[in-house]
Structures are given as structure tokens and as C-alpha cells.
Amino acid sequence: MIVRMSYINPMQQFNGWLEINRKKMEKPKWWRRFWPLTLIACSVLIILDGVLYLLGYTDLSQLLGVILAVFAGLPVTYGVWYLQTKYQTSKKTQLINKIAFIGGFGGIAWAITFFGGAVIIWAVKGMPKPSDPPPQYPALIFIVIFIVPWIVGGFIGYLVGKRRNYRPYI
């Protein structure tokens, strides 16, 4: 009985080692998407603030404060993005995203109704004077301005979130 020993060429061994290390060293997909978006956003903010400084709308201390805030926000942005991609598949994250969609859209609907209603009342009646009588049906106004928008906006947020499988807009 003759046992044949297979001989591995050193070049084949090196290529196999190189392939394994390449897979280990390759950056994840979220990493490749994170940095271009972050660099573009930071560049736009800094350039915009620089233009405002050159036009005389801001002073030097405010310019430096914005630049410092942009660079101080980078680690926070990185951390949030990393945690969202790491725990995105868990049920807790999906529940948090569901709450965020419903609450976020409800808040947006309330803000639109509240401030839009104020603008419409101001445009139609003018600025009310302190001596004007109070509205005739305050409970109805309270329900229409403070309760209905949260319900309608929450329902719209639920539908939008369900369509996106409650994935965040990041």
C-alpha cells in the first residue's frame, strides 16, 4: 500500500493565505457607503458656512464653532450608523423603528396642522387681539389641532413603515 502525499506549491499556499486575509480585511458594505456620504455632508456644511463668513453673515468664532461641531459630530454619526447596522435585524430594533415611524409621522402631521392652522387663521382674520372673545367651541378646536393630526400622521407613518419593512431612512 503506497500512500501518496500531496505536495502544495508554496505559491498556492501563499495565494490561499492571501485570499483568506483579503476576506478578513475587506470592509463591510455599510462602511463603504458611510464615508462618502459623511464626507459630502461635512464638506457641504463647511463650505456653506465659509461662504456665509465671506459674505459677512457670520463671524470667525461662529465659523470655527461650526467646523468644530461638524468634526465633533463625526464619531457620534459613526457610532449610530454602526449600531444600526449591527443590530438592524433584531426584533427590538424593528420595534423601535416602528415606534419611530408612527411617532415621527404623527409629530410631523401635528406640526403641519398646528403651524399651518395658525398661518391660515392669521391670513384670514389677522392677528387676534387680546380683547377678542375666546373661540366658541374650544374642545372641538383642541381635538382638531392636537389629537386628530397625531392619529392620521401615525396611521400614515405605519403604512409607510410597513411598506419599507421599518428600515430607517439612513
C-alpha atoms as a PDB file:
ATOM      1  CA  MET A   1       0.000   0.000   0.000  1.00  0.00           C
ATOM      2  CA  ILE A   2       1.513   3.229  -1.157  1.00  0.00           C
ATOM      3  CA  VAL A   3       0.268   6.483   0.318  1.00  0.00           C
ATOM      4  CA  ARG A   4       0.714   9.484  -1.907  1.00  0.00           C
ATOM      5  CA  MET A   5       1.456  12.696  -0.168  1.00  0.00           C
ATOM      6  CA  SER A   6       0.071  15.711  -1.952  1.00  0.00           C
ATOM      7  CA  TYR A   7       2.528  18.462  -2.353  1.00  0.00           C
ATOM      8  CA  ILE A   8       1.291  22.068  -2.064  1.00  0.00           C
ATOM      9  CA  ASN A   9       3.212  24.541  -4.046  1.00  0.00           C
ATOM     10  CA  PRO A  10       4.376  27.454  -1.863  1.00  0.00           C
ATOM     11  CA  MET A  11       2.759  29.875  -4.338  1.00  0.00           C
ATOM     12  CA  GLN A  12      -0.594  28.085  -3.987  1.00  0.00           C
ATOM     13  CA  GLN A  13      -0.268  28.237  -0.224  1.00  0.00           C
ATOM     14  CA  PHE A  14       0.510  31.975  -0.369  1.00  0.00           C
ATOM     15  CA  ASN A  15      -2.485  32.633  -2.689  1.00  0.00           C
ATOM     16  CA  GLY A  16      -4.805  30.746  -0.333  1.00  0.00           C
ATOM     17  CA  TRP A  17      -3.488  32.727   2.638  1.00  0.00           C
ATOM     18  CA  LEU A  18      -3.871  35.964   0.670  1.00  0.00           C
ATOM     19  CA  GLU A  19      -7.482  35.134  -0.239  1.00  0.00           C
ATOM     20  CA  ILE A  20      -8.373  34.402   3.397  1.00  0.00           C
ATOM     21  CA  ASN A  21      -6.781  37.646   4.583  1.00  0.00           C
ATOM     22  CA  ARG A  22      -8.484  39.621   1.806  1.00  0.00           C
ATOM     23  CA  LYS A  23     -11.859  38.387   3.005  1.00  0.00           C
ATOM     24  CA  LYS A  24     -10.982  39.276   6.597  1.00  0.00           C
ATOM     25  CA  MET A  25      -9.695  42.732   5.693  1.00  0.00           C
ATOM     26  CA  GLU A  26     -12.499  43.669   3.300  1.00  0.00           C
ATOM     27  CA  LYS A  27     -14.636  46.428   4.755  1.00  0.00           C
ATOM     28  CA  PRO A  28     -18.350  45.751   5.180  1.00  0.00           C
ATOM     29  CA  LYS A  29     -20.866  47.247   2.770  1.00  0.00           C
ATOM     30  CA  TRP A  30     -22.155  49.811   5.260  1.00  0.00           C
ATOM     31  CA  TRP A  31     -18.589  51.108   5.753  1.00  0.00           C
ATOM     32  CA  ARG A  32     -18.178  51.806   2.041  1.00  0.00           C
ATOM     33  CA  ARG A  33     -21.497  53.703   1.996  1.00  0.00           C
ATOM     34  CA  PHE A  34     -20.864  55.636   5.208  1.00  0.00           C
ATOM     35  CA  TRP A  35     -17.710  57.580   4.401  1.00  0.00           C
ATOM     36  CA  PRO A  36     -18.648  59.116   1.031  1.00  0.00           C
ATOM     37  CA  LEU A  37     -21.982  60.341   2.399  1.00  0.00           C
ATOM     38  CA  THR A  38     -20.355  61.681   5.542  1.00  0.00           C
ATOM     39  CA  LEU A  39     -17.570  63.456   3.679  1.00  0.00           C
ATOM     40  CA  ILE A  40     -20.030  65.050   1.249  1.00  0.00           C
ATOM     41  CA  ALA A  41     -22.303  66.250   4.075  1.00  0.00           C
ATOM     42  CA  CYS A  42     -19.399  67.653   6.116  1.00  0.00           C
ATOM     43  CA  SER A  43     -17.897  69.355   3.077  1.00  0.00           C
ATOM     44  CA  VAL A  44     -21.200  70.991   2.153  1.00  0.00           C
ATOM     45  CA  LEU A  45     -21.716  72.274   5.703  1.00  0.00           C
ATOM     46  CA  ILE A  46     -18.195  73.664   5.995  1.00  0.00           C
ATOM     47  CA  ILE A  47     -18.261  75.259   2.511  1.00  0.00           C
ATOM     48  CA  LEU A  48     -21.681  76.784   3.165  1.00  0.00           C
ATOM     49  CA  ASP A  49     -20.520  78.243   6.465  1.00  0.00           C
ATOM     50  CA  GLY A  50     -17.332  79.510   4.788  1.00  0.00           C
ATOM     51  CA  VAL A  51     -19.417  81.286   2.162  1.00  0.00           C
ATOM     52  CA  LEU A  52     -21.587  82.822   4.882  1.00  0.00           C
ATOM     53  CA  TYR A  53     -18.415  84.003   6.632  1.00  0.00           C
ATOM     54  CA  LEU A  54     -17.035  85.526   3.418  1.00  0.00           C
ATOM     55  CA  LEU A  55     -20.349  87.293   2.765  1.00  0.00           C
ATOM     56  CA  GLY A  56     -20.243  88.765   6.268  1.00  0.00           C
ATOM     57  CA  TYR A  57     -23.257  86.971   7.758  1.00  0.00           C
ATOM     58  CA  THR A  58     -21.191  85.175  10.404  1.00  0.00           C
ATOM     59  CA  ASP A  59     -18.042  85.996  12.306  1.00  0.00           C
ATOM     60  CA  LEU A  60     -14.844  83.980  12.712  1.00  0.00           C
ATOM     61  CA  SER A  61     -15.816  82.437  16.050  1.00  0.00           C
ATOM     62  CA  GLN A  62     -19.062  81.107  14.585  1.00  0.00           C
ATOM     63  CA  LEU A  63     -17.191  79.723  11.567  1.00  0.00           C
ATOM     64  CA  LEU A  64     -14.755  77.872  13.810  1.00  0.00           C
ATOM     65  CA  GLY A  65     -17.617  76.682  16.029  1.00  0.00           C
ATOM     66  CA  VAL A  66     -19.431  75.140  13.077  1.00  0.00           C
ATOM     67  CA  ILE A  67     -16.263  73.438  11.844  1.00  0.00           C
ATOM     68  CA  LEU A  68     -15.618  72.086  15.352  1.00  0.00           C
ATOM     69  CA  ALA A  69     -19.219  70.880  15.652  1.00  0.00           C
ATOM     70  CA  VAL A  70     -19.015  69.085  12.294  1.00  0.00           C
ATOM     71  CA  PHE A  71     -15.840  67.254  13.258  1.00  0.00           C
ATOM     72  CA  ALA A  72     -17.108  66.537  16.776  1.00  0.00           C
ATOM     73  CA  GLY A  73     -20.249  65.010  15.278  1.00  0.00           C
ATOM     74  CA  LEU A  74     -18.314  62.503  13.171  1.00  0.00           C
ATOM     75  CA  PRO A  75     -17.724  59.933  15.960  1.00  0.00           C
ATOM     76  CA  VAL A  76     -21.353  60.177  17.048  1.00  0.00           C
ATOM     77  CA  THR A  77     -22.558  59.680  13.479  1.00  0.00           C
ATOM     78  CA  TYR A  78     -20.212  56.733  13.027  1.00  0.00           C
ATOM     79  CA  GLY A  79     -21.372  55.147  16.270  1.00  0.00           C
ATOM     80  CA  VAL A  80     -25.065  55.488  15.467  1.00  0.00           C
ATOM     81  CA  TRP A  81     -24.573  54.113  11.957  1.00  0.00           C
ATOM     82  CA  TYR A  82     -22.512  51.181  13.256  1.00  0.00           C
ATOM     83  CA  LEU A  83     -25.049  50.271  15.927  1.00  0.00           C
ATOM     84  CA  GLN A  84     -27.930  50.498  13.482  1.00  0.00           C
ATOM     85  CA  THR A  85     -26.261  48.183  11.001  1.00  0.00           C
ATOM     86  CA  LYS A  86     -25.101  45.746  13.692  1.00  0.00           C
ATOM     87  CA  TYR A  87     -28.467  45.361  15.404  1.00  0.00           C
ATOM     88  CA  GLN A  88     -30.746  46.046  12.454  1.00  0.00           C
ATOM     89  CA  THR A  89     -32.094  42.517  12.239  1.00  0.00           C
ATOM     90  CA  SER A  90     -33.122  42.191  15.871  1.00  0.00           C
ATOM     91  CA  LYS A  91     -36.764  42.392  16.884  1.00  0.00           C
ATOM     92  CA  LYS A  92     -36.064  45.221  19.342  1.00  0.00           C
ATOM     93  CA  THR A  93     -34.692  47.440  16.598  1.00  0.00           C
ATOM     94  CA  GLN A  94     -37.665  46.711  14.381  1.00  0.00           C
ATOM     95  CA  LEU A  95     -39.993  47.628  17.253  1.00  0.00           C
ATOM     96  CA  ILE A  96     -38.059  50.852  17.884  1.00  0.00           C
ATOM     97  CA  ASN A  97     -38.225  51.714  14.176  1.00  0.00           C
ATOM     98  CA  LYS A  98     -41.971  51.019  14.167  1.00  0.00           C
ATOM     99  CA  ILE A  99     -42.438  53.402  17.102  1.00  0.00           C
ATOM    100  CA  ALA A 100     -40.210  55.971  15.388  1.00  0.00           C
ATOM    101  CA  PHE A 101     -42.176  55.821  12.125  1.00  0.00           C
ATOM    102  CA  ILE A 102     -45.543  56.182  13.846  1.00  0.00           C
ATOM    103  CA  GLY A 103     -44.395  58.888  16.282  1.00  0.00           C
ATOM    104  CA  GLY A 104     -42.320  60.757  13.708  1.00  0.00           C
ATOM    105  CA  PHE A 105     -45.069  60.993  11.141  1.00  0.00           C
ATOM    106  CA  GLY A 106     -47.569  61.885  13.885  1.00  0.00           C
ATOM    107  CA  GLY A 107     -45.296  64.715  15.058  1.00  0.00           C
ATOM    108  CA  ILE A 108     -44.821  65.992  11.513  1.00  0.00           C
ATOM    109  CA  ALA A 109     -48.584  65.943  10.923  1.00  0.00           C
ATOM    110  CA  TRP A 110     -49.173  67.819  14.184  1.00  0.00           C
ATOM    111  CA  ALA A 111     -46.579  70.476  13.322  1.00  0.00           C
ATOM    112  CA  ILE A 112     -48.066  70.991   9.861  1.00  0.00           C
ATOM    113  CA  THR A 113     -51.589  71.252  11.275  1.00  0.00           C
ATOM    114  CA  PHE A 114     -50.657  73.497  14.193  1.00  0.00           C
ATOM    115  CA  PHE A 115     -48.473  75.971  12.334  1.00  0.00           C
ATOM    116  CA  GLY A 116     -50.480  75.727   9.116  1.00  0.00           C
ATOM    117  CA  GLY A 117     -53.671  76.444  11.048  1.00  0.00           C
ATOM    118  CA  ALA A 118     -52.033  79.415  12.738  1.00  0.00           C
ATOM    119  CA  VAL A 119     -50.915  80.822   9.378  1.00  0.00           C
ATOM    120  CA  ILE A 120     -54.363  80.315   7.845  1.00  0.00           C
ATOM    121  CA  ILE A 121     -56.110  81.978  10.815  1.00  0.00           C
ATOM    122  CA  TRP A 122     -53.616  84.847  10.713  1.00  0.00           C
ATOM    123  CA  ALA A 123     -54.101  85.280   6.945  1.00  0.00           C
ATOM    124  CA  VAL A 124     -57.915  85.207   7.133  1.00  0.00           C
ATOM    125  CA  LYS A 125     -58.629  87.095  10.361  1.00  0.00           C
ATOM    126  CA  GLY A 126     -55.421  88.928  11.037  1.00  0.00           C
ATOM    127  CA  MET A 127     -53.555  88.809  14.314  1.00  0.00           C
ATOM    128  CA  PRO A 128     -56.095  88.300  17.132  1.00  0.00           C
ATOM    129  CA  LYS A 129     -56.170  90.999  19.789  1.00  0.00           C
ATOM    130  CA  PRO A 130     -56.045  90.120  23.483  1.00  0.00           C
ATOM    131  CA  SER A 131     -59.522  91.640  23.878  1.00  0.00           C
ATOM    132  CA  ASP A 132     -61.086  89.293  21.288  1.00  0.00           C
ATOM    133  CA  PRO A 133     -63.568  86.784  22.705  1.00  0.00           C
ATOM    134  CA  PRO A 134     -62.366  83.189  23.048  1.00  0.00           C
ATOM    135  CA  PRO A 135     -63.411  80.681  20.372  1.00  0.00           C
ATOM    136  CA  GLN A 136     -66.925  79.326  20.595  1.00  0.00           C
ATOM    137  CA  TYR A 137     -66.028  75.611  20.668  1.00  0.00           C
ATOM    138  CA  PRO A 138     -62.627  75.260  22.395  1.00  0.00           C
ATOM    139  CA  ALA A 139     -62.933  71.478  22.875  1.00  0.00           C
ATOM    140  CA  LEU A 140     -63.509  70.944  19.149  1.00  0.00           C
ATOM    141  CA  ILE A 141     -60.552  73.144  18.252  1.00  0.00           C
ATOM    142  CA  PHE A 142     -58.375  71.237  20.734  1.00  0.00           C
ATOM    143  CA  ILE A 143     -59.388  67.887  19.221  1.00  0.00           C
ATOM    144  CA  VAL A 144     -58.877  69.060  15.635  1.00  0.00           C
ATOM    145  CA  ILE A 145     -55.485  70.678  16.282  1.00  0.00           C
ATOM    146  CA  PHE A 146     -53.938  68.398  18.925  1.00  0.00           C
ATOM    147  CA  ILE A 147     -55.460  64.910  18.610  1.00  0.00           C
ATOM    148  CA  VAL A 148     -56.557  64.222  15.023  1.00  0.00           C
ATOM    149  CA  PRO A 149     -53.168  65.017  13.400  1.00  0.00           C
ATOM    150  CA  TRP A 150     -51.365  62.546  15.680  1.00  0.00           C
ATOM    151  CA  ILE A 151     -53.806  59.780  14.732  1.00  0.00           C
ATOM    152  CA  VAL A 152     -53.757  60.500  10.985  1.00  0.00           C
ATOM    153  CA  GLY A 153     -49.982  61.041  10.891  1.00  0.00           C
ATOM    154  CA  GLY A 154     -49.373  57.900  12.935  1.00  0.00           C
ATOM    155  CA  PHE A 155     -51.513  55.878  10.538  1.00  0.00           C
ATOM    156  CA  ILE A 156     -49.625  57.269   7.540  1.00  0.00           C
ATOM    157  CA  GLY A 157     -46.329  56.530   9.311  1.00  0.00           C
ATOM    158  CA  TYR A 158     -47.484  52.971   9.973  1.00  0.00           C
ATOM    159  CA  LEU A 159     -48.313  52.467   6.298  1.00  0.00           C
ATOM    160  CA  VAL A 160     -45.021  53.968   5.103  1.00  0.00           C
ATOM    161  CA  GLY A 161     -43.035  51.954   7.655  1.00  0.00           C
ATOM    162  CA  LYS A 162     -44.829  48.747   6.776  1.00  0.00           C
ATOM    163  CA  ARG A 163     -44.038  49.305   3.108  1.00  0.00           C
ATOM    164  CA  ARG A 164     -40.333  49.840   3.938  1.00  0.00           C
ATOM    165  CA  ASN A 165     -40.293  46.943   6.443  1.00  0.00           C
ATOM    166  CA  TYR A 166     -39.496  49.546   9.115  1.00  0.00           C
ATOM    167  CA  ARG A 167     -35.993  50.177   7.787  1.00  0.00           C
ATOM    168  CA  PRO A 168     -34.694  53.646   8.663  1.00  0.00           C
ATOM    169  CA  TYR A 169     -34.053  56.306   6.010  1.00  0.00           C
ATOM    170  CA  ILE A 170     -30.291  56.172   6.547  1.00  0.00           C
END
